[in-house]
């Protein structure tokens, strides 16, 4: 759920390192916003909670996002059925990716499987793009800053004003050896057309955010909403 400190408000987009960010903020004296769920969008937070705080979230490139989502479903307690639905009976990465990027497939998953994760109006893009829009608003207008997950400790240290590099990074799906994916790039190399599938459905969002390809990172750890290099709809939000 959203977490606040005296100066910050964190909104959590799934599969972008948000659980770790939340643990750091709580350890630094932050508090959870009562009555909200973990992945509630920016506009679910009351105005009085937002007021006076810098609102931020975390992002990652769509290629690694989908791979992380697949791994989560593969090892998660309740993910197997959703994984089969998205892959149309096949739990391998390729079929999953085609289902998770194609709105004609992923938007038809029953609420009982998605736990309300994507209960929002559906456009014509992949689940990554639609999740970003739902959590952070069209063009990210609902947040002031976005931290690149690939540079998470540096970015969060800058926002908090303290060094958090010593705070242990944990990912429940990756902590166990049997669950780890040793060569993430290889998953796309052996799955024919997988990289192009992501570019087709989520390439526009990836480009707007500044990701130039699979497993890339932003030029700076923090993407500010007023950055002059961003589209006009981003610059409308003041830091």
Protein backbone atom coordinates (compact mmCIF):
# COMPACT_ATOMS: atom_id res chain seq x y z
CA UNK A 1 0.00 0.00 0.00
CA UNK A 2 1.15 3.62 -0.35
CA UNK A 3 3.63 4.68 2.34
CA UNK A 4 4.40 8.19 3.57
CA UNK A 5 7.22 9.94 5.37
CA UNK A 6 7.15 13.57 6.42
CA UNK A 7 8.20 14.62 2.92
CA UNK A 8 7.53 11.64 0.62
CA UNK A 9 4.65 9.52 -0.64
CA UNK A 10 5.46 6.24 -2.36
CA UNK A 11 3.09 4.70 -4.93
CA UNK A 12 3.81 1.07 -5.80
CA UNK A 13 3.72 -0.25 -9.38
CA UNK A 14 3.97 -4.06 -9.23
CA UNK A 15 7.28 -5.74 -10.09
CA UNK A 16 9.43 -2.60 -9.81
CA UNK A 17 11.13 -3.10 -6.44
CA UNK A 18 8.37 -1.42 -4.48
CA UNK A 19 8.37 -3.89 -1.59
CA UNK A 20 12.00 -3.07 -0.84
CA UNK A 21 11.30 0.66 -1.08
CA UNK A 22 8.43 0.21 1.36
CA UNK A 23 10.63 -1.62 3.87
CA UNK A 24 13.24 1.14 3.70
CA UNK A 25 10.64 3.85 4.20
CA UNK A 26 9.07 2.03 7.15
CA UNK A 27 12.50 1.53 8.70
CA UNK A 28 13.07 5.28 8.26
CA UNK A 29 9.94 6.09 10.23
CA UNK A 30 7.37 6.00 7.44
CA UNK A 31 3.79 4.86 7.83
CA UNK A 32 1.31 2.99 5.65
CA UNK A 33 -1.69 4.90 4.32
CA UNK A 34 -4.62 3.27 6.09
CA UNK A 35 -7.42 1.75 4.06
CA UNK A 36 -5.48 1.31 0.82
CA UNK A 37 -4.14 -1.81 -0.89
CA UNK A 38 -0.54 -2.40 -1.93
CA UNK A 39 -1.01 -1.51 -5.60
CA UNK A 40 -3.69 1.13 -5.34
CA UNK A 41 -3.16 3.93 -7.90
CA UNK A 42 -2.09 7.49 -7.21
CA UNK A 43 -5.64 8.84 -7.40
CA UNK A 44 -6.79 6.54 -4.60
CA UNK A 45 -4.65 8.48 -2.13
CA UNK A 46 -6.60 11.27 -0.35
CA UNK A 47 -5.58 14.81 -1.24
CA UNK A 48 -4.72 15.57 2.37
CA UNK A 49 -2.16 12.76 2.33
CA UNK A 50 -0.58 13.96 -0.91
CA UNK A 51 -0.44 17.61 0.12
CA UNK A 52 3.05 18.83 0.91
CA UNK A 53 4.72 15.57 -0.08
CA UNK A 54 6.78 14.61 -3.09
CA UNK A 55 4.98 11.70 -4.75
CA UNK A 56 7.22 9.08 -6.33
CA UNK A 57 7.16 5.60 -7.78
CA UNK A 58 9.52 3.09 -9.34
CA UNK A 59 9.85 1.88 -12.93
CA UNK A 60 11.85 -0.60 -14.97
CA UNK A 61 12.17 -1.49 -18.63
CA UNK A 62 9.24 -3.59 -19.92
CA UNK A 63 11.40 -6.54 -21.00
CA UNK A 64 12.70 -7.20 -17.48
CA UNK A 65 9.27 -6.33 -16.05
CA UNK A 66 7.55 -9.12 -17.98
CA UNK A 67 10.27 -11.60 -17.06
CA UNK A 68 9.93 -10.69 -13.40
CA UNK A 69 6.15 -11.06 -13.62
CA UNK A 70 6.50 -14.49 -15.25
CA UNK A 71 8.93 -15.64 -12.56
CA UNK A 72 6.60 -14.36 -9.86
CA UNK A 73 3.66 -16.32 -11.24
CA UNK A 74 5.79 -19.40 -11.77
CA UNK A 75 6.84 -19.63 -8.12
CA UNK A 76 4.02 -17.75 -6.42
CA UNK A 77 1.46 -19.63 -4.38
CA UNK A 78 -1.52 -18.41 -6.39
CA UNK A 79 0.12 -17.69 -9.73
CA UNK A 80 -0.04 -21.00 -11.51
CA UNK A 81 -3.65 -20.71 -12.65
CA UNK A 82 -3.18 -17.15 -13.94
CA UNK A 83 -0.01 -18.23 -15.70
CA UNK A 84 -1.90 -21.00 -17.48
CA UNK A 85 -4.67 -18.60 -18.44
CA UNK A 86 -2.30 -16.03 -19.90
CA UNK A 87 -0.35 -18.72 -21.75
CA UNK A 88 -3.51 -20.47 -22.94
CA UNK A 89 -2.49 -23.64 -21.20
CA UNK A 90 1.26 -23.24 -21.68
CA UNK A 91 3.31 -21.96 -18.73
CA UNK A 92 6.50 -21.28 -20.69
CA UNK A 93 7.78 -17.72 -21.05
CA UNK A 94 6.91 -17.24 -24.73
CA UNK A 95 3.19 -18.07 -24.50
CA UNK A 96 2.91 -16.10 -21.25
CA UNK A 97 4.50 -13.05 -22.88
CA UNK A 98 2.16 -13.15 -25.85
CA UNK A 99 -0.84 -13.30 -23.52
CA UNK A 100 0.42 -10.62 -21.15
CA UNK A 101 1.15 -8.15 -23.96
CA UNK A 102 -1.99 -8.78 -26.00
CA UNK A 103 -4.95 -6.86 -24.50
CA UNK A 104 -7.26 -9.31 -26.22
CA UNK A 105 -5.94 -11.95 -23.85
CA UNK A 106 -4.84 -10.37 -20.56
CA UNK A 107 -7.85 -8.07 -20.18
CA UNK A 108 -10.19 -11.07 -20.24
CA UNK A 109 -8.72 -12.73 -17.17
CA UNK A 110 -11.37 -13.15 -14.45
CA UNK A 111 -11.13 -10.96 -11.35
CA UNK A 112 -10.87 -14.07 -9.22
CA UNK A 113 -7.43 -14.70 -10.75
CA UNK A 114 -6.11 -11.14 -10.91
CA UNK A 115 -7.19 -10.12 -7.39
CA UNK A 116 -8.35 -6.83 -8.84
CA UNK A 117 -4.83 -5.92 -10.03
CA UNK A 118 -5.98 -4.62 -13.41
CA UNK A 119 -9.57 -3.59 -12.79
CA UNK A 120 -9.27 -0.46 -14.93
CA UNK A 121 -10.37 0.59 -18.45
CA UNK A 122 -8.30 -1.24 -21.04
CA UNK A 123 -6.58 0.41 -23.99
CA UNK A 124 -4.77 -1.34 -26.81
CA UNK A 125 -1.39 -1.82 -25.17
CA UNK A 126 0.43 -4.44 -23.16
CA UNK A 127 -0.08 -5.07 -19.48
CA UNK A 128 3.11 -3.14 -18.65
CA UNK A 129 1.90 0.05 -20.30
CA UNK A 130 -1.61 -0.23 -18.94
CA UNK A 131 -0.32 -0.93 -15.43
CA UNK A 132 1.91 2.13 -15.59
CA UNK A 133 -1.01 4.31 -16.70
CA UNK A 134 -3.32 2.92 -14.06
CA UNK A 135 -0.87 3.33 -11.16
CA UNK A 136 0.83 6.61 -12.11
CA UNK A 137 -1.74 8.24 -14.40
CA UNK A 138 -1.62 8.98 -18.12
CA UNK A 139 1.91 10.08 -18.92
CA UNK A 140 2.80 9.66 -15.26
CA UNK A 141 1.01 12.87 -14.30
CA UNK A 142 0.08 11.46 -10.90
CA UNK A 143 3.66 11.40 -9.57
CA UNK A 144 6.49 13.90 -9.27
CA UNK A 145 9.36 11.49 -9.75
CA UNK A 146 10.14 7.93 -10.85
CA UNK A 147 13.15 5.91 -9.68
CA UNK A 148 14.76 3.48 -12.11
CA UNK A 149 14.66 0.03 -10.52
CA UNK A 150 18.08 -0.76 -11.99
CA UNK A 151 19.46 2.15 -9.91
CA UNK A 152 17.16 1.80 -6.95
CA UNK A 153 19.51 2.34 -4.02
CA UNK A 154 21.11 5.42 -5.59
CA UNK A 155 17.76 6.98 -6.47
CA UNK A 156 16.12 6.31 -3.12
CA UNK A 157 19.21 7.55 -1.28
CA UNK A 158 18.90 10.82 -3.19
CA UNK A 159 15.23 11.23 -2.33
CA UNK A 160 15.65 10.36 1.35
CA UNK A 161 18.89 12.27 1.79
CA UNK A 162 20.54 9.27 3.46
CA UNK A 163 22.59 6.34 2.15
CA UNK A 164 20.36 3.25 1.96
CA UNK A 165 22.85 1.07 0.05
CA UNK A 166 23.42 -1.02 3.17
CA UNK A 167 19.77 -1.93 3.53
CA UNK A 168 19.45 -5.60 2.43
CA UNK A 169 17.77 -6.08 -0.93
CA UNK A 170 15.47 -9.06 -0.92
CA UNK A 171 13.21 -10.50 -3.56
CA UNK A 172 11.22 -13.47 -2.35
CA UNK A 173 11.02 -14.95 -5.84
CA UNK A 174 14.77 -14.58 -6.45
CA UNK A 175 16.15 -15.45 -3.04
CA UNK A 176 15.75 -19.17 -3.58
CA UNK A 177 18.34 -20.67 -5.91
CA UNK A 178 15.85 -22.85 -7.75
CA UNK A 179 13.76 -19.81 -8.66
CA UNK A 180 16.51 -17.61 -10.06
CA UNK A 181 16.93 -16.89 -13.76
CA UNK A 182 20.67 -16.97 -14.35
CA UNK A 183 20.71 -15.43 -17.82
CA UNK A 184 17.71 -13.09 -18.30
CA UNK A 185 18.78 -11.97 -21.79
CA UNK A 186 18.85 -15.61 -22.85
CA UNK A 187 15.14 -15.96 -22.11
CA UNK A 188 14.45 -13.52 -24.93
CA UNK A 189 17.07 -14.96 -27.25
CA UNK A 190 15.59 -18.46 -27.12
CA UNK A 191 12.00 -17.25 -27.44
CA UNK A 192 11.51 -16.34 -31.07
CA UNK A 193 10.07 -12.88 -31.61
CA UNK A 194 9.75 -12.13 -27.89
CA UNK A 195 11.69 -8.87 -27.97
CA UNK A 196 9.63 -7.59 -30.89
CA UNK A 197 6.39 -8.51 -29.14
CA UNK A 198 7.28 -6.18 -26.27
CA UNK A 199 8.28 -3.43 -28.69
CA UNK A 200 4.95 -3.78 -30.46
CA UNK A 201 2.75 -3.42 -27.40
CA UNK A 202 4.95 -1.47 -24.98
CA UNK A 203 7.65 0.14 -27.12
CA UNK A 204 6.06 3.58 -27.12
CA UNK A 205 5.98 3.70 -23.34
CA UNK A 206 9.51 2.34 -23.08
CA UNK A 207 10.76 5.06 -25.42
CA UNK A 208 8.88 7.80 -23.56
CA UNK A 209 10.42 6.70 -20.29
CA UNK A 210 13.91 6.51 -21.77
CA UNK A 211 14.52 2.77 -22.05
CA UNK A 212 16.23 1.91 -25.32
CA UNK A 213 16.08 -1.87 -25.16
CA UNK A 214 15.86 -5.00 -23.02
CA UNK A 215 17.38 -4.75 -19.55
CA UNK A 216 18.53 -1.19 -20.08
CA UNK A 217 18.58 1.57 -17.49
CA UNK A 218 17.82 5.27 -17.51
CA UNK A 219 20.59 7.82 -17.88
CA UNK A 220 19.83 9.09 -14.36
CA UNK A 221 18.49 7.17 -11.35
CA UNK A 222 15.53 9.56 -11.00
CA UNK A 223 13.17 10.67 -13.74
CA UNK A 224 11.67 13.98 -12.69
CA UNK A 225 8.24 14.89 -14.02
CA UNK A 226 9.36 18.38 -14.98
CA UNK A 227 12.34 17.13 -17.04
CA UNK A 228 12.55 19.23 -20.23
CA UNK A 229 13.28 16.10 -22.26
CA UNK A 230 9.94 14.55 -21.37
CA UNK A 231 6.76 15.02 -23.42
CA UNK A 232 4.66 18.06 -22.54
CA UNK A 233 2.15 16.00 -20.58
CA UNK A 234 4.94 15.04 -18.14
CA UNK A 235 6.23 18.59 -17.76
CA UNK A 236 2.81 19.74 -16.57
CA UNK A 237 3.59 18.29 -13.16
CA UNK A 238 5.74 20.49 -10.93
CA UNK A 239 8.29 19.01 -8.59
